[in-house]
Amino acid sequence: MDTLIEQRKDARIELSWPVSIWLPAANRFFNGQSSNISKMGVFVTLPMTTPIRAGHTVELNFPRTLTLARQKGGFARIKKGKVVRVERRNMLKDANIGVAIAFE
């Protein structure tokens, strides 16, 4: 059994929100869902066919509601990040992979 060592420096907030990931290596977007987020990073689930690996630099697009877009002046919150971990253990269960991304 693998033991994970906690490396988070900031508290994570549970947040299930749609997210699009631009993966330059594949030259396309992949749609997923966030699970939790902090000031330093986010954990998302993506389709298991997403060709992503640790070390990839990605762009994250968090869409905003119309009300929030009016307040903030844009329809999305866009962040850059680096993939630090890809979890494939539940891949066969729900056809998704988990991806930990540290914001840049």
C-alpha atoms as a PDB file:
ATOM      1  CA  MET A   1       0.000   0.000   0.000  1.00  0.00           C
ATOM      2  CA  ASP A   2       1.313   3.468  -0.930  1.00  0.00           C
ATOM      3  CA  THR A   3       1.559   6.126   1.726  1.00  0.00           C
ATOM      4  CA  LEU A   4       1.042   9.725   0.673  1.00  0.00           C
ATOM      5  CA  ILE A   5       2.939  12.408   2.557  1.00  0.00           C
ATOM      6  CA  GLU A   6       1.030  15.638   3.022  1.00  0.00           C
ATOM      7  CA  GLN A   7       2.855  18.470   1.237  1.00  0.00           C
ATOM      8  CA  ARG A   8       0.164  21.153   1.220  1.00  0.00           C
ATOM      9  CA  LYS A   9       1.101  24.473   2.741  1.00  0.00           C
ATOM     10  CA  ASP A  10      -2.316  26.109   2.325  1.00  0.00           C
ATOM     11  CA  ALA A  11      -5.767  24.935   3.362  1.00  0.00           C
ATOM     12  CA  ARG A  12      -7.840  23.380   0.607  1.00  0.00           C
ATOM     13  CA  ILE A  13     -11.494  24.176   0.045  1.00  0.00           C
ATOM     14  CA  GLU A  14     -13.816  21.547  -1.403  1.00  0.00           C
ATOM     15  CA  LEU A  15     -15.078  22.967  -4.693  1.00  0.00           C
ATOM     16  CA  SER A  16     -16.845  21.096  -7.459  1.00  0.00           C
ATOM     17  CA  TRP A  17     -16.690  23.454 -10.440  1.00  0.00           C
ATOM     18  CA  PRO A  18     -16.386  22.875 -14.179  1.00  0.00           C
ATOM     19  CA  VAL A  19     -12.932  23.553 -15.552  1.00  0.00           C
ATOM     20  CA  SER A  20     -11.334  23.442 -19.003  1.00  0.00           C
ATOM     21  CA  ILE A  21      -7.662  22.576 -19.247  1.00  0.00           C
ATOM     22  CA  TRP A  22      -5.636  23.744 -22.244  1.00  0.00           C
ATOM     23  CA  LEU A  23      -2.915  21.178 -22.840  1.00  0.00           C
ATOM     24  CA  PRO A  24      -0.358  22.599 -25.313  1.00  0.00           C
ATOM     25  CA  ALA A  25       1.199  19.150 -25.842  1.00  0.00           C
ATOM     26  CA  ALA A  26      -2.123  17.971 -27.325  1.00  0.00           C
ATOM     27  CA  ASN A  27      -3.045  21.385 -28.798  1.00  0.00           C
ATOM     28  CA  ARG A  28      -6.583  21.228 -27.351  1.00  0.00           C
ATOM     29  CA  PHE A  29      -8.849  21.715 -24.351  1.00  0.00           C
ATOM     30  CA  PHE A  30     -10.046  18.930 -22.043  1.00  0.00           C
ATOM     31  CA  ASN A  31     -13.124  19.445 -19.875  1.00  0.00           C
ATOM     32  CA  GLY A  32     -13.139  18.310 -16.276  1.00  0.00           C
ATOM     33  CA  GLN A  33     -14.274  19.099 -12.767  1.00  0.00           C
ATOM     34  CA  SER A  34     -12.420  20.550  -9.807  1.00  0.00           C
ATOM     35  CA  SER A  35     -12.531  18.675  -6.507  1.00  0.00           C
ATOM     36  CA  ASN A  36     -10.690  21.088  -4.243  1.00  0.00           C
ATOM     37  CA  ILE A  37      -8.674  24.257  -4.544  1.00  0.00           C
ATOM     38  CA  SER A  38      -6.271  26.403  -2.543  1.00  0.00           C
ATOM     39  CA  LYS A  39      -4.284  29.561  -3.101  1.00  0.00           C
ATOM     40  CA  MET A  40      -1.424  27.417  -4.443  1.00  0.00           C
ATOM     41  CA  GLY A  41      -3.169  24.776  -6.566  1.00  0.00           C
ATOM     42  CA  VAL A  42      -6.138  22.675  -7.577  1.00  0.00           C
ATOM     43  CA  PHE A  43      -7.097  19.012  -7.923  1.00  0.00           C
ATOM     44  CA  VAL A  44      -9.232  18.179 -10.956  1.00  0.00           C
ATOM     45  CA  THR A  45     -10.700  15.094 -12.562  1.00  0.00           C
ATOM     46  CA  LEU A  46     -10.345  14.687 -16.311  1.00  0.00           C
ATOM     47  CA  PRO A  47     -11.337  11.989 -18.802  1.00  0.00           C
ATOM     48  CA  MET A  48      -8.965   9.018 -18.652  1.00  0.00           C
ATOM     49  CA  THR A  49      -8.030   9.595 -22.304  1.00  0.00           C
ATOM     50  CA  THR A  50      -6.429  12.964 -21.488  1.00  0.00           C
ATOM     51  CA  PRO A  51      -2.731  12.659 -22.472  1.00  0.00           C
ATOM     52  CA  ILE A  52      -1.416  14.535 -19.442  1.00  0.00           C
ATOM     53  CA  ARG A  53       1.576  13.789 -17.247  1.00  0.00           C
ATOM     54  CA  ALA A  54       3.554  15.302 -14.404  1.00  0.00           C
ATOM     55  CA  GLY A  55       5.663  18.212 -15.580  1.00  0.00           C
ATOM     56  CA  HIS A  56       3.216  19.476 -18.219  1.00  0.00           C
ATOM     57  CA  THR A  57       2.405  23.183 -18.083  1.00  0.00           C
ATOM     58  CA  VAL A  58      -1.303  23.842 -18.570  1.00  0.00           C
ATOM     59  CA  GLU A  59      -3.765  26.706 -18.658  1.00  0.00           C
ATOM     60  CA  LEU A  60      -6.872  26.379 -16.489  1.00  0.00           C
ATOM     61  CA  ASN A  61     -10.116  28.071 -17.432  1.00  0.00           C
ATOM     62  CA  PHE A  62     -12.669  28.396 -14.616  1.00  0.00           C
ATOM     63  CA  PRO A  63     -15.944  29.675 -16.161  1.00  0.00           C
ATOM     64  CA  ARG A  64     -17.926  32.308 -14.279  1.00  0.00           C
ATOM     65  CA  THR A  65     -21.657  32.789 -13.966  1.00  0.00           C
ATOM     66  CA  LEU A  66     -23.144  35.769 -15.789  1.00  0.00           C
ATOM     67  CA  THR A  67     -23.518  37.700 -12.520  1.00  0.00           C
ATOM     68  CA  LEU A  68     -19.926  37.044 -11.477  1.00  0.00           C
ATOM     69  CA  ALA A  69     -18.654  37.858 -14.980  1.00  0.00           C
ATOM     70  CA  ARG A  70     -20.340  41.253 -14.763  1.00  0.00           C
ATOM     71  CA  GLN A  71     -18.764  41.914 -11.363  1.00  0.00           C
ATOM     72  CA  LYS A  72     -15.273  40.752 -12.345  1.00  0.00           C
ATOM     73  CA  GLY A  73     -15.260  41.958 -15.961  1.00  0.00           C
ATOM     74  CA  GLY A  74     -14.699  38.587 -17.653  1.00  0.00           C
ATOM     75  CA  PHE A  75     -16.382  35.275 -18.293  1.00  0.00           C
ATOM     76  CA  ALA A  76     -13.551  33.130 -16.979  1.00  0.00           C
ATOM     77  CA  ARG A  77     -10.776  33.045 -14.434  1.00  0.00           C
ATOM     78  CA  ILE A  78      -7.675  31.844 -16.231  1.00  0.00           C
ATOM     79  CA  LYS A  79      -4.637  30.496 -14.382  1.00  0.00           C
ATOM     80  CA  LYS A  80      -1.433  28.812 -15.498  1.00  0.00           C
ATOM     81  CA  GLY A  81      -0.140  25.804 -13.671  1.00  0.00           C
ATOM     82  CA  LYS A  82       2.200  22.846 -13.648  1.00  0.00           C
ATOM     83  CA  VAL A  83       1.021  19.256 -13.281  1.00  0.00           C
ATOM     84  CA  VAL A  84       2.624  17.788 -10.176  1.00  0.00           C
ATOM     85  CA  ARG A  85       0.777  14.463  -9.960  1.00  0.00           C
ATOM     86  CA  VAL A  86      -1.529  12.256 -12.035  1.00  0.00           C
ATOM     87  CA  GLU A  87      -3.594   9.621 -10.216  1.00  0.00           C
ATOM     88  CA  ARG A  88      -4.887   6.745 -12.320  1.00  0.00           C
ATOM     89  CA  ARG A  89      -6.047   4.359  -9.588  1.00  0.00           C
ATOM     90  CA  ASN A  90      -9.802   5.021 -10.070  1.00  0.00           C
ATOM     91  CA  MET A  91      -9.541   5.138 -13.846  1.00  0.00           C
ATOM     92  CA  LEU A  92     -11.466   1.909 -14.472  1.00  0.00           C
ATOM     93  CA  LYS A  93     -14.112   2.738 -11.871  1.00  0.00           C
ATOM     94  CA  ASP A  94     -15.288   6.069 -13.304  1.00  0.00           C
ATOM     95  CA  ALA A  95     -13.241   6.573 -16.522  1.00  0.00           C
ATOM     96  CA  ASN A  96     -11.485   9.604 -14.998  1.00  0.00           C
ATOM     97  CA  ILE A  97      -8.014  10.469 -13.775  1.00  0.00           C
ATOM     98  CA  GLY A  98      -7.119  12.832 -10.947  1.00  0.00           C
ATOM     99  CA  VAL A  99      -4.657  15.621 -11.663  1.00  0.00           C
ATOM    100  CA  ALA A 100      -2.922  17.829  -9.076  1.00  0.00           C
ATOM    101  CA  ILE A 101      -1.870  21.188 -10.505  1.00  0.00           C
ATOM    102  CA  ALA A 102       0.273  23.832  -8.781  1.00  0.00           C
ATOM    103  CA  PHE A 103      -0.488  27.392  -9.886  1.00  0.00           C
ATOM    104  CA  GLU A 104       2.378  29.385 -11.368  1.00  0.00           C
END
